[in-house]
PDB file of N, CA and C in Angstrom:
ATOM      1  N   MET A   1      23.064 183.605  37.961  1.00  0.00           N
ATOM      2  CA  MET A   1      21.689 184.459  38.674  1.00  0.00           C
ATOM      3  C   MET A   1      22.504 184.665  39.627  1.00  0.00           C
ATOM      4  N   LYS A   2      23.401 185.055  39.946  1.00  0.00           N
ATOM      5  CA  LYS A   2      24.813 184.697  41.492  1.00  0.00           C
ATOM      6  C   LYS A   2      25.458 186.042  40.910  1.00  0.00           C
ATOM      7  N   PRO A   3      25.336 186.740  41.941  1.00  0.00           N
ATOM      8  CA  PRO A   3      26.947 188.150  41.532  1.00  0.00           C
ATOM      9  C   PRO A   3      28.189 187.496  40.935  1.00  0.00           C
ATOM     10  N   GLU A   4      28.156 186.272  41.716  1.00  0.00           N
ATOM     11  CA  GLU A   4      30.066 185.543  41.339  1.00  0.00           C
ATOM     12  C   GLU A   4      29.991 185.443  40.290  1.00  0.00           C
ATOM     13  N   ASP A   5      28.907 184.983  39.789  1.00  0.00           N
ATOM     14  CA  ASP A   5      28.770 183.950  38.508  1.00  0.00           C
ATOM     15  C   ASP A   5      29.405 184.971  37.446  1.00  0.00           C
ATOM     16  N   ILE A   6      29.463 186.699  37.202  1.00  0.00           N
ATOM     17  CA  ILE A   6      29.699 187.504  36.583  1.00  0.00           C
ATOM     18  C   ILE A   6      31.285 187.119  36.913  1.00  0.00           C
ATOM     19  N   THR A   7      32.238 186.791  37.529  1.00  0.00           N
ATOM     20  CA  THR A   7      33.509 186.641  37.448  1.00  0.00           C
ATOM     21  C   THR A   7      33.671 185.866  36.622  1.00  0.00           C
ATOM     22  N   ARG A   8      32.951 184.517  36.916  1.00  0.00           N
ATOM     23  CA  ARG A   8      33.491 183.086  35.739  1.00  0.00           C
ATOM     24  C   ARG A   8      32.695 183.800  34.119  1.00  0.00           C
ATOM     25  N   LEU A   9      31.907 184.152  34.387  1.00  0.00           N
ATOM     26  CA  LEU A   9      31.561 184.732  32.993  1.00  0.00           C
ATOM     27  C   LEU A   9      32.542 185.819  32.307  1.00  0.00           C
ATOM     28  N   PHE A  10      32.867 186.431  33.060  1.00  0.00           N
ATOM     29  CA  PHE A  10      33.821 187.980  32.400  1.00  0.00           C
ATOM     30  C   PHE A  10      34.901 186.861  31.422  1.00  0.00           C
ATOM     31  N   VAL A  11      35.862 186.084  33.063  1.00  0.00           N
ATOM     32  CA  VAL A  11      36.968 184.809  32.585  1.00  0.00           C
ATOM     33  C   VAL A  11      37.034 184.056  30.938  1.00  0.00           C
ATOM     34  N   GLU A  12      35.240 183.675  31.094  1.00  0.00           N
ATOM     35  CA  GLU A  12      35.007 182.747  29.765  1.00  0.00           C
ATOM     36  C   GLU A  12      35.348 183.753  28.367  1.00  0.00           C
ATOM     37  N   ARG A  13      34.463 184.687  28.519  1.00  0.00           N
ATOM     38  CA  ARG A  13      34.859 186.003  27.591  1.00  0.00           C
ATOM     39  C   ARG A  13      35.666 186.391  26.975  1.00  0.00           C
ATOM     40  N   ALA A  14      36.701 186.665  28.261  1.00  0.00           N
ATOM     41  CA  ALA A  14      37.935 187.447  27.441  1.00  0.00           C
ATOM     42  C   ALA A  14      38.402 186.151  26.965  1.00  0.00           C
ATOM     43  N   ASN A  15      38.292 185.020  27.149  1.00  0.00           N
ATOM     44  CA  ASN A  15      39.343 184.161  26.614  1.00  0.00           C
ATOM     45  C   ASN A  15      38.961 183.625  25.601  1.00  0.00           C
ATOM     46  N   ALA A  16      37.848 184.243  24.814  1.00  0.00           N
ATOM     47  CA  ALA A  16      37.624 184.027  23.774  1.00  0.00           C
ATOM     48  C   ALA A  16      37.277 184.939  23.146  1.00  0.00           C
ATOM     49  N   LYS A  17      38.490 186.115  23.679  1.00  0.00           N
ATOM     50  CA  LYS A  17      37.905 187.550  22.765  1.00  0.00           C
ATOM     51  C   LYS A  17      36.527 187.684  22.615  1.00  0.00           C
ATOM     52  N   ASP A  18      35.949 187.697  22.959  1.00  0.00           N
ATOM     53  CA  ASP A  18      34.823 188.477  23.249  1.00  0.00           C
ATOM     54  C   ASP A  18      34.266 189.534  23.574  1.00  0.00           C
ATOM     55  N   ALA A  19      34.290 190.630  22.532  1.00  0.00           N
ATOM     56  CA  ALA A  19      34.509 191.954  23.309  1.00  0.00           C
ATOM     57  C   ALA A  19      32.831 192.522  23.847  1.00  0.00           C
ATOM     58  N   GLU A  20      32.079 191.838  22.876  1.00  0.00           N
ATOM     59  CA  GLU A  20      30.627 192.188  22.736  1.00  0.00           C
ATOM     60  C   GLU A  20      30.096 191.824  23.977  1.00  0.00           C
ATOM     61  N   GLY A  21      30.336 190.203  24.242  1.00  0.00           N
ATOM     62  CA  GLY A  21      29.667 189.664  25.150  1.00  0.00           C
ATOM     63  C   GLY A  21      30.426 190.006  26.531  1.00  0.00           C
ATOM     64  N   LEU A  22      31.678 190.656  26.545  1.00  0.00           N
ATOM     65  CA  LEU A  22      32.253 191.287  27.925  1.00  0.00           C
ATOM     66  C   LEU A  22      31.515 192.299  28.452  1.00  0.00           C
ATOM     67  N   SER A  23      31.351 193.520  27.309  1.00  0.00           N
ATOM     68  CA  SER A  23      30.232 194.851  26.971  1.00  0.00           C
ATOM     69  C   SER A  23      28.642 194.100  27.969  1.00  0.00           C
ATOM     70  N   LEU A  24      28.587 192.572  27.819  1.00  0.00           N
ATOM     71  CA  LEU A  24      26.762 192.595  27.836  1.00  0.00           C
ATOM     72  C   LEU A  24      26.622 192.134  29.277  1.00  0.00           C
ATOM     73  N   LEU A  25      27.903 192.046  30.176  1.00  0.00           N
ATOM     74  CA  LEU A  25      28.037 192.042  31.933  1.00  0.00           C
ATOM     75  C   LEU A  25      28.005 193.430  32.026  1.00  0.00           C
ATOM     76  N   TYR A  26      28.199 194.598  31.880  1.00  0.00           N
ATOM     77  CA  TYR A  26      27.717 195.683  32.122  1.00  0.00           C
ATOM     78  C   TYR A  26      26.656 196.441  31.475  1.00  0.00           C
ATOM     79  N   GLU A  27      25.980 197.109  33.249  1.00  0.00           N
ATOM     80  CA  GLU A  27      24.830 198.319  32.969  1.00  0.00           C
ATOM     81  C   GLU A  27      25.209 199.399  31.227  1.00  0.00           C
ATOM     82  N   ASP A  28      23.772 199.497  30.812  1.00  0.00           N
ATOM     83  CA  ASP A  28      24.455 201.182  29.916  1.00  0.00           C
ATOM     84  C   ASP A  28      25.368 201.988  30.097  1.00  0.00           C
ATOM     85  N   ASP A  29      25.464 202.654  31.476  1.00  0.00           N
ATOM     86  CA  ASP A  29      25.764 203.319  31.886  1.00  0.00           C
ATOM     87  C   ASP A  29      27.010 202.868  33.313  1.00  0.00           C
ATOM     88  N   ALA A  30      27.425 201.925  32.827  1.00  0.00           N
ATOM     89  CA  ALA A  30      28.661 201.581  34.133  1.00  0.00           C
ATOM     90  C   ALA A  30      29.907 202.568  33.775  1.00  0.00           C
ATOM     91  N   VAL A  31      30.737 202.194  34.880  1.00  0.00           N
ATOM     92  CA  VAL A  31      31.817 202.917  34.678  1.00  0.00           C
ATOM     93  C   VAL A  31      32.877 201.822  35.165  1.00  0.00           C
ATOM     94  N   MET A  32      33.982 201.783  34.194  1.00  0.00           N
ATOM     95  CA  MET A  32      35.222 200.083  34.739  1.00  0.00           C
ATOM     96  C   MET A  32      36.535 201.839  34.494  1.00  0.00           C
ATOM     97  N   ALA A  33      37.020 201.283  35.966  1.00  0.00           N
ATOM     98  CA  ALA A  33      38.297 201.899  35.928  1.00  0.00           C
ATOM     99  C   ALA A  33      39.686 201.327  35.485  1.00  0.00           C
ATOM    100  N   PHE A  34      39.246 201.448  33.959  1.00  0.00           N
ATOM    101  CA  PHE A  34      40.506 200.738  33.386  1.00  0.00           C
ATOM    102  C   PHE A  34      40.119 201.588  31.672  1.00  0.00           C
ATOM    103  N   PRO A  35      41.473 202.102  30.858  1.00  0.00           N
ATOM    104  CA  PRO A  35      42.685 201.596  31.596  1.00  0.00           C
ATOM    105  C   PRO A  35      43.329 202.129  32.615  1.00  0.00           C
ATOM    106  N   PRO A  36      44.052 201.911  33.574  1.00  0.00           N
ATOM    107  CA  PRO A  36      44.842 201.998  34.444  1.00  0.00           C
ATOM    108  C   PRO A  36      44.928 203.884  34.591  1.00  0.00           C
ATOM    109  N   GLY A  37      44.172 204.679  35.760  1.00  0.00           N
ATOM    110  CA  GLY A  37      44.002 205.653  35.363  1.00  0.00           C
ATOM    111  C   GLY A  37      43.387 206.598  34.948  1.00  0.00           C
ATOM    112  N   GLN A  38      42.302 205.954  34.218  1.00  0.00           N
ATOM    113  CA  GLN A  38      41.690 206.276  33.763  1.00  0.00           C
ATOM    114  C   GLN A  38      40.172 205.825  33.991  1.00  0.00           C
ATOM    115  N   GLN A  39      39.233 206.492  33.441  1.00  0.00           N
ATOM    116  CA  GLN A  39      37.362 205.370  33.517  1.00  0.00           C
ATOM    117  C   GLN A  39      37.107 205.748  31.877  1.00  0.00           C
ATOM    118  N   THR A  40      36.118 204.445  31.680  1.00  0.00           N
ATOM    119  CA  THR A  40      35.813 204.206  31.056  1.00  0.00           C
ATOM    120  C   THR A  40      34.101 204.071  31.581  1.00  0.00           C
ATOM    121  N   VAL A  41      33.783 204.698  30.493  1.00  0.00           N
ATOM    122  CA  VAL A  41      31.872 205.385  30.910  1.00  0.00           C
ATOM    123  C   VAL A  41      31.035 204.616  29.320  1.00  0.00           C
ATOM    124  N   GLY A  42      30.268 203.865  30.124  1.00  0.00           N
ATOM    125  CA  GLY A  42      28.890 203.580  29.093  1.00  0.00           C
ATOM    126  C   GLY A  42      29.941 201.551  28.762  1.00  0.00           C
ATOM    127  N   ARG A  43      28.398 200.944  28.338  1.00  0.00           N
ATOM    128  CA  ARG A  43      28.669 199.831  27.667  1.00  0.00           C
ATOM    129  C   ARG A  43      29.340 199.980  26.506  1.00  0.00           C
ATOM    130  N   GLU A  44      28.707 200.704  25.375  1.00  0.00           N
ATOM    131  CA  GLU A  44      29.803 201.005  24.184  1.00  0.00           C
ATOM    132  C   GLU A  44      30.547 201.271  24.213  1.00  0.00           C
ATOM    133  N   ALA A  45      31.560 202.135  25.295  1.00  0.00           N
ATOM    134  CA  ALA A  45      32.685 202.152  25.042  1.00  0.00           C
ATOM    135  C   ALA A  45      33.504 201.315  26.082  1.00  0.00           C
ATOM    136  N   ILE A  46      32.671 200.460  26.858  1.00  0.00           N
ATOM    137  CA  ILE A  46      33.815 199.262  27.734  1.00  0.00           C
ATOM    138  C   ILE A  46      33.645 198.043  25.890  1.00  0.00           C
ATOM    139  N   ARG A  47      32.704 198.344  25.560  1.00  0.00           N
ATOM    140  CA  ARG A  47      32.559 196.877  24.317  1.00  0.00           C
ATOM    141  C   ARG A  47      34.384 197.419  23.639  1.00  0.00           C
ATOM    142  N   LYS A  48      34.594 198.827  23.149  1.00  0.00           N
ATOM    143  CA  LYS A  48      35.190 199.486  22.045  1.00  0.00           C
ATOM    144  C   LYS A  48      36.706 198.932  23.302  1.00  0.00           C
ATOM    145  N   LEU A  49      36.543 199.562  24.262  1.00  0.00           N
ATOM    146  CA  LEU A  49      37.922 199.314  24.776  1.00  0.00           C
ATOM    147  C   LEU A  49      38.434 197.824  25.031  1.00  0.00           C
ATOM    148  N   TRP A  50      37.767 196.845  25.143  1.00  0.00           N
ATOM    149  CA  TRP A  50      38.109 195.130  25.269  1.00  0.00           C
ATOM    150  C   TRP A  50      38.428 194.820  23.873  1.00  0.00           C
ATOM    151  N   GLU A  51      37.036 195.824  22.743  1.00  0.00           N
ATOM    152  CA  GLU A  51      37.883 195.009  21.320  1.00  0.00           C
ATOM    153  C   GLU A  51      39.257 195.200  20.920  1.00  0.00           C
ATOM    154  N   GLU A  52      39.570 196.359  21.429  1.00  0.00           N
ATOM    155  CA  GLU A  52      41.004 196.687  21.241  1.00  0.00           C
ATOM    156  C   GLU A  52      42.216 196.000  22.359  1.00  0.00           C
ATOM    157  N   ALA A  53      41.637 195.767  23.111  1.00  0.00           N
ATOM    158  CA  ALA A  53      42.793 195.669  24.430  1.00  0.00           C
ATOM    159  C   ALA A  53      42.481 193.686  24.132  1.00  0.00           C
ATOM    160  N   LEU A  54      41.898 193.213  23.651  1.00  0.00           N
ATOM    161  CA  LEU A  54      41.622 191.644  24.142  1.00  0.00           C
ATOM    162  C   LEU A  54      42.606 191.026  23.411  1.00  0.00           C
ATOM    163  N   PRO A  55      42.948 191.417  21.937  1.00  0.00           N
ATOM    164  CA  PRO A  55      43.624 190.822  20.756  1.00  0.00           C
ATOM    165  C   PRO A  55      45.337 190.780  21.671  1.00  0.00           C
ATOM    166  N   LYS A  56      45.331 191.796  22.318  1.00  0.00           N
ATOM    167  CA  LYS A  56      46.667 191.543  23.228  1.00  0.00           C
ATOM    168  C   LYS A  56      47.069 191.240  24.038  1.00  0.00           C
ATOM    169  N   MET A  57      46.162 190.755  24.382  1.00  0.00           N
ATOM    170  CA  MET A  57      46.067 190.023  26.179  1.00  0.00           C
ATOM    171  C   MET A  57      46.480 188.590  26.367  1.00  0.00           C
ATOM    172  N   PRO A  58      46.629 188.356  26.840  1.00  0.00           N
ATOM    173  CA  PRO A  58      46.856 186.811  27.571  1.00  0.00           C
ATOM    174  C   PRO A  58      45.684 186.376  27.987  1.00  0.00           C
ATOM    175  N   ALA A  59      45.661 184.771  28.005  1.00  0.00           N
ATOM    176  CA  ALA A  59      44.692 184.303  28.813  1.00  0.00           C
ATOM    177  C   ALA A  59      44.072 184.783  29.852  1.00  0.00           C
ATOM    178  N   PHE A  60      43.104 185.017  30.269  1.00  0.00           N
ATOM    179  CA  PHE A  60      42.621 185.577  31.713  1.00  0.00           C
ATOM    180  C   PHE A  60      42.906 183.720  32.749  1.00  0.00           C
ATOM    181  N   GLU A  61      42.903 183.330  33.985  1.00  0.00           N
ATOM    182  CA  GLU A  61      43.322 182.656  34.697  1.00  0.00           C
ATOM    183  C   GLU A  61      41.810 182.943  35.577  1.00  0.00           C
ATOM    184  N   PRO A  62      41.301 181.869  36.130  1.00  0.00           N
ATOM    185  CA  PRO A  62      39.894 182.177  37.289  1.00  0.00           C
ATOM    186  C   PRO A  62      40.591 182.543  38.297  1.00  0.00           C
ATOM    187  N   GLU A  63      39.855 183.262  39.043  1.00  0.00           N
ATOM    188  CA  GLU A  63      40.507 184.082  40.673  1.00  0.00           C
ATOM    189  C   GLU A  63      38.773 183.273  41.221  1.00  0.00           C
ATOM    190  N   GLU A  64      39.495 182.892  42.790  1.00  0.00           N
ATOM    191  CA  GLU A  64      38.212 182.266  43.139  1.00  0.00           C
ATOM    192  C   GLU A  64      37.771 183.874  43.961  1.00  0.00           C
ATOM    193  N   PRO A  65      36.734 184.089  43.669  1.00  0.00           N
ATOM    194  CA  PRO A  65      35.587 185.273  44.551  1.00  0.00           C
ATOM    195  C   PRO A  65      36.059 185.052  46.092  1.00  0.00           C
ATOM    196  N   LEU A  66      35.542 186.280  46.718  1.00  0.00           N
ATOM    197  CA  LEU A  66      35.612 186.360  47.975  1.00  0.00           C
ATOM    198  C   LEU A  66      34.197 186.276  48.696  1.00  0.00           C
ATOM    199  N   PRO A  67      33.962 186.492  49.641  1.00  0.00           N
ATOM    200  CA  PRO A  67      32.505 186.344  50.202  1.00  0.00           C
ATOM    201  C   PRO A  67      31.761 187.621  49.632  1.00  0.00           C
ATOM    202  N   THR A  68      30.657 187.442  48.739  1.00  0.00           N
ATOM    203  CA  THR A  68      30.112 188.687  48.330  1.00  0.00           C
ATOM    204  C   THR A  68      29.058 189.379  49.362  1.00  0.00           C
ATOM    205  N   LEU A  69      28.853 191.095  49.296  1.00  0.00           N
ATOM    206  CA  LEU A  69      28.288 191.677  50.737  1.00  0.00           C
ATOM    207  C   LEU A  69      26.806 191.979  49.477  1.00  0.00           C
ATOM    208  N   ILE A  70      25.565 191.348  49.699  1.00  0.00           N
ATOM    209  CA  ILE A  70      24.778 192.162  48.963  1.00  0.00           C
ATOM    210  C   ILE A  70      23.473 193.032  49.864  1.00  0.00           C
ATOM    211  N   SER A  71      23.399 194.003  49.763  1.00  0.00           N
ATOM    212  CA  SER A  71      22.258 195.110  50.052  1.00  0.00           C
ATOM    213  C   SER A  71      20.728 195.014  48.914  1.00  0.00           C
ATOM    214  N   GLY A  72      19.708 194.574  49.320  1.00  0.00           N
ATOM    215  CA  GLY A  72      18.683 194.439  48.022  1.00  0.00           C
ATOM    216  C   GLY A  72      19.487 194.095  46.938  1.00  0.00           C
ATOM    217  N   ASP A  73      19.147 194.748  45.925  1.00  0.00           N
ATOM    218  CA  ASP A  73      19.488 194.714  44.476  1.00  0.00           C
ATOM    219  C   ASP A  73      20.716 194.795  44.206  1.00  0.00           C
ATOM    220  N   LEU A  74      21.778 195.612  45.434  1.00  0.00           N
ATOM    221  CA  LEU A  74      23.258 195.901  45.118  1.00  0.00           C
ATOM    222  C   LEU A  74      23.919 194.850  45.657  1.00  0.00           C
ATOM    223  N   ALA A  75      25.454 194.507  45.315  1.00  0.00           N
ATOM    224  CA  ALA A  75      26.083 193.615  45.365  1.00  0.00           C
ATOM    225  C   ALA A  75      27.635 193.949  45.511  1.00  0.00           C
ATOM    226  N   LEU A  76      28.609 194.083  45.928  1.00  0.00           N
ATOM    227  CA  LEU A  76      29.842 194.234  46.102  1.00  0.00           C
ATOM    228  C   LEU A  76      30.572 192.640  45.854  1.00  0.00           C
ATOM    229  N   THR A  77      31.612 192.299  44.446  1.00  0.00           N
ATOM    230  CA  THR A  77      32.118 191.062  44.553  1.00  0.00           C
ATOM    231  C   THR A  77      33.207 191.599  44.829  1.00  0.00           C
ATOM    232  N   SER A  78      34.015 190.454  44.265  1.00  0.00           N
ATOM    233  CA  SER A  78      35.440 190.428  44.569  1.00  0.00           C
ATOM    234  C   SER A  78      36.647 189.771  44.658  1.00  0.00           C
ATOM    235  N   THR A  79      37.623 189.837  43.863  1.00  0.00           N
ATOM    236  CA  THR A  79      38.447 188.420  43.517  1.00  0.00           C
ATOM    237  C   THR A  79      39.834 189.190  44.300  1.00  0.00           C
ATOM    238  N   PRO A  80      40.821 188.308  44.992  1.00  0.00           N
ATOM    239  CA  PRO A  80      42.384 188.329  45.160  1.00  0.00           C
ATOM    240  C   PRO A  80      42.918 188.040  44.100  1.00  0.00           C
ATOM    241  N   PRO A  81      43.896 188.653  42.640  1.00  0.00           N
ATOM    242  CA  PRO A  81      44.497 188.088  41.781  1.00  0.00           C
ATOM    243  C   PRO A  81      45.207 187.354  42.728  1.00  0.00           C
ATOM    244  N   LYS A  82      45.276 186.177  41.448  1.00  0.00           N
ATOM    245  CA  LYS A  82      46.114 184.662  41.617  1.00  0.00           C
ATOM    246  C   LYS A  82      48.084 185.364  42.030  1.00  0.00           C
ATOM    247  N   ASP A  83      48.284 186.285  41.701  1.00  0.00           N
ATOM    248  CA  ASP A  83      49.884 186.621  41.488  1.00  0.00           C
ATOM    249  C   ASP A  83      49.782 187.724  42.928  1.00  0.00           C
ATOM    250  N   GLY A  84      48.587 187.412  43.580  1.00  0.00           N
ATOM    251  CA  GLY A  84      48.896 188.322  44.919  1.00  0.00           C
ATOM    252  C   GLY A  84      49.011 189.749  45.137  1.00  0.00           C
ATOM    253  N   SER A  85      48.763 190.360  44.223  1.00  0.00           N
ATOM    254  CA  SER A  85      49.102 191.844  43.881  1.00  0.00           C
ATOM    255  C   SER A  85      48.187 192.473  43.631  1.00  0.00           C
ATOM    256  N   GLY A  86      47.542 193.159  45.191  1.00  0.00           N
ATOM    257  CA  GLY A  86      46.450 194.387  45.038  1.00  0.00           C
ATOM    258  C   GLY A  86      44.828 193.563  45.112  1.00  0.00           C
ATOM    259  N   ALA A  87      44.171 194.081  44.750  1.00  0.00           N
ATOM    260  CA  ALA A  87      42.771 193.082  44.456  1.00  0.00           C
ATOM    261  C   ALA A  87      41.984 193.776  43.511  1.00  0.00           C
ATOM    262  N   ARG A  88      40.926 193.073  43.155  1.00  0.00           N
ATOM    263  CA  ARG A  88      39.297 193.320  42.284  1.00  0.00           C
ATOM    264  C   ARG A  88      38.124 193.185  42.909  1.00  0.00           C
ATOM    265  N   ALA A  89      37.494 194.577  42.591  1.00  0.00           N
ATOM    266  CA  ALA A  89      36.495 194.981  43.443  1.00  0.00           C
ATOM    267  C   ALA A  89      35.296 195.246  42.217  1.00  0.00           C
ATOM    268  N   GLN A  90      33.861 195.050  42.221  1.00  0.00           N
ATOM    269  CA  GLN A  90      32.842 195.027  41.563  1.00  0.00           C
ATOM    270  C   GLN A  90      31.633 195.526  42.128  1.00  0.00           C
ATOM    271  N   VAL A  91      30.644 196.405  41.881  1.00  0.00           N
ATOM    272  CA  VAL A  91      29.530 196.743  42.489  1.00  0.00           C
ATOM    273  C   VAL A  91      28.481 196.364  40.865  1.00  0.00           C
ATOM    274  N   VAL A  92      27.750 195.301  41.575  1.00  0.00           N
ATOM    275  CA  VAL A  92      26.627 194.817  40.529  1.00  0.00           C
ATOM    276  C   VAL A  92      25.065 194.909  41.203  1.00  0.00           C
ATOM    277  N   ARG A  93      24.197 194.938  40.263  1.00  0.00           N
ATOM    278  CA  ARG A  93      23.158 195.486  40.323  1.00  0.00           C
ATOM    279  C   ARG A  93      21.856 194.048  39.785  1.00  0.00           C
ATOM    280  N   ARG A  94      20.774 193.771  40.927  1.00  0.00           N
ATOM    281  CA  ARG A  94      19.965 192.555  40.303  1.00  0.00           C
ATOM    282  C   ARG A  94      19.134 193.229  39.411  1.00  0.00           C
ATOM    283  N   GLN A  95      18.919 192.736  38.237  1.00  0.00           N
ATOM    284  CA  GLN A  95      18.202 192.951  36.612  1.00  0.00           C
ATOM    285  C   GLN A  95      17.001 192.626  37.023  1.00  0.00           C
ATOM    286  N   PRO A  96      15.912 193.376  36.530  1.00  0.00           N
ATOM    287  CA  PRO A  96      14.679 192.839  36.796  1.00  0.00           C
ATOM    288  C   PRO A  96      14.045 191.260  36.240  1.00  0.00           C
ATOM    289  N   ASP A  97      14.992 190.415  35.457  1.00  0.00           N
ATOM    290  CA  ASP A  97      15.387 188.790  35.003  1.00  0.00           C
ATOM    291  C   ASP A  97      15.891 188.058  36.367  1.00  0.00           C
ATOM    292  N   GLY A  98      16.470 189.124  37.370  1.00  0.00           N
ATOM    293  CA  GLY A  98      16.974 188.119  38.417  1.00  0.00           C
ATOM    294  C   GLY A  98      18.486 187.500  37.977  1.00  0.00           C
ATOM    295  N   SER A  99      19.126 188.700  36.929  1.00  0.00           N
ATOM    296  CA  SER A  99      20.724 188.335  36.485  1.00  0.00           C
ATOM    297  C   SER A  99      21.131 189.737  37.130  1.00  0.00           C
ATOM    298  N   TRP A 100      22.817 189.595  37.283  1.00  0.00           N
ATOM    299  CA  TRP A 100      23.226 190.358  37.378  1.00  0.00           C
ATOM    300  C   TRP A 100      23.932 191.619  36.621  1.00  0.00           C
ATOM    301  N   LEU A 101      24.303 192.900  36.731  1.00  0.00           N
ATOM    302  CA  LEU A 101      25.304 193.146  35.823  1.00  0.00           C
ATOM    303  C   LEU A 101      26.117 194.361  36.565  1.00  0.00           C
ATOM    304  N   ARG A 102      27.292 194.408  35.882  1.00  0.00           N
ATOM    305  CA  ARG A 102      28.251 195.410  36.844  1.00  0.00           C
ATOM    306  C   ARG A 102      27.753 196.961  36.477  1.00  0.00           C
ATOM    307  N   VAL A 103      28.037 197.383  37.185  1.00  0.00           N
ATOM    308  CA  VAL A 103      27.715 198.839  38.008  1.00  0.00           C
ATOM    309  C   VAL A 103      29.387 199.841  37.527  1.00  0.00           C
ATOM    310  N   LEU A 104      29.593 199.067  38.194  1.00  0.00           N
ATOM    311  CA  LEU A 104      31.408 199.935  39.018  1.00  0.00           C
ATOM    312  C   LEU A 104      32.486 198.888  38.524  1.00  0.00           C
ATOM    313  N   ASP A 105      33.417 199.211  38.147  1.00  0.00           N
ATOM    314  CA  ASP A 105      34.186 198.007  37.582  1.00  0.00           C
ATOM    315  C   ASP A 105      35.557 198.562  38.315  1.00  0.00           C
ATOM    316  N   GLN A 106      36.045 198.253  39.516  1.00  0.00           N
ATOM    317  CA  GLN A 106      37.784 198.260  39.507  1.00  0.00           C
ATOM    318  C   GLN A 106      38.710 197.321  39.689  1.00  0.00           C
ATOM    319  N   PRO A 107      38.994 196.627  38.367  1.00  0.00           N
ATOM    320  CA  PRO A 107      39.965 195.636  37.747  1.00  0.00           C
ATOM    321  C   PRO A 107      41.082 195.508  38.269  1.00  0.00           C
ATOM    322  N   GLU A 108      41.692 196.725  39.326  1.00  0.00           N
ATOM    323  CA  GLU A 108      42.729 196.051  40.280  1.00  0.00           C
ATOM    324  C   GLU A 108      42.637 197.770  40.979  1.00  0.00           C
ATOM    325  N   PHE A 109      43.085 197.481  42.175  1.00  0.00           N
ATOM    326  CA  PHE A 109      43.704 198.218  43.391  1.00  0.00           C
ATOM    327  C   PHE A 109      45.328 197.838  43.047  1.00  0.00           C
ATOM    328  N   LYS A 110      46.011 198.489  43.373  1.00  0.00           N
ATOM    329  CA  LYS A 110      47.461 197.863  43.563  1.00  0.00           C
ATOM    330  C   LYS A 110      48.103 198.897  44.605  1.00  0.00           C
ATOM    331  N   GLN A 111      49.176 198.415  46.130  1.00  0.00           N
ATOM    332  CA  GLN A 111      49.608 198.808  46.576  1.00  0.00           C
ATOM    333  C   GLN A 111      50.834 200.410  46.151  1.00  0.00           C
ATOM    334  N   PRO A 112      50.533 201.508  46.735  1.00  0.00           N
ATOM    335  CA  PRO A 112      51.626 202.114  46.062  1.00  0.00           C
ATOM    336  C   PRO A 112      52.966 202.087  46.087  1.00  0.00           C
TER     337      PRO A 112
END
């Protein structure tokens, strides 16, 4: 019920190789900047992407979220990767039931 919960839920579902569960963390028309240099648009496309990618990916490590910025029903969440490279950021929106879902997901920012 907090924006930061999505980071924990993402790691749990990714490590369970649960593409459907991951996709349910996103709004229907969410945009994810992944794979690198591309955008994946919509919950169904995000589910398909994770369905293909998860079997090839190593386990995800939990990352401590940075302080969240909240303005009304929007929030900006972010985490620094454990390896110290770049950053991760997401915009989430509060849903009518009080939960939060990702609207925009930038899984990695890397310095050129």
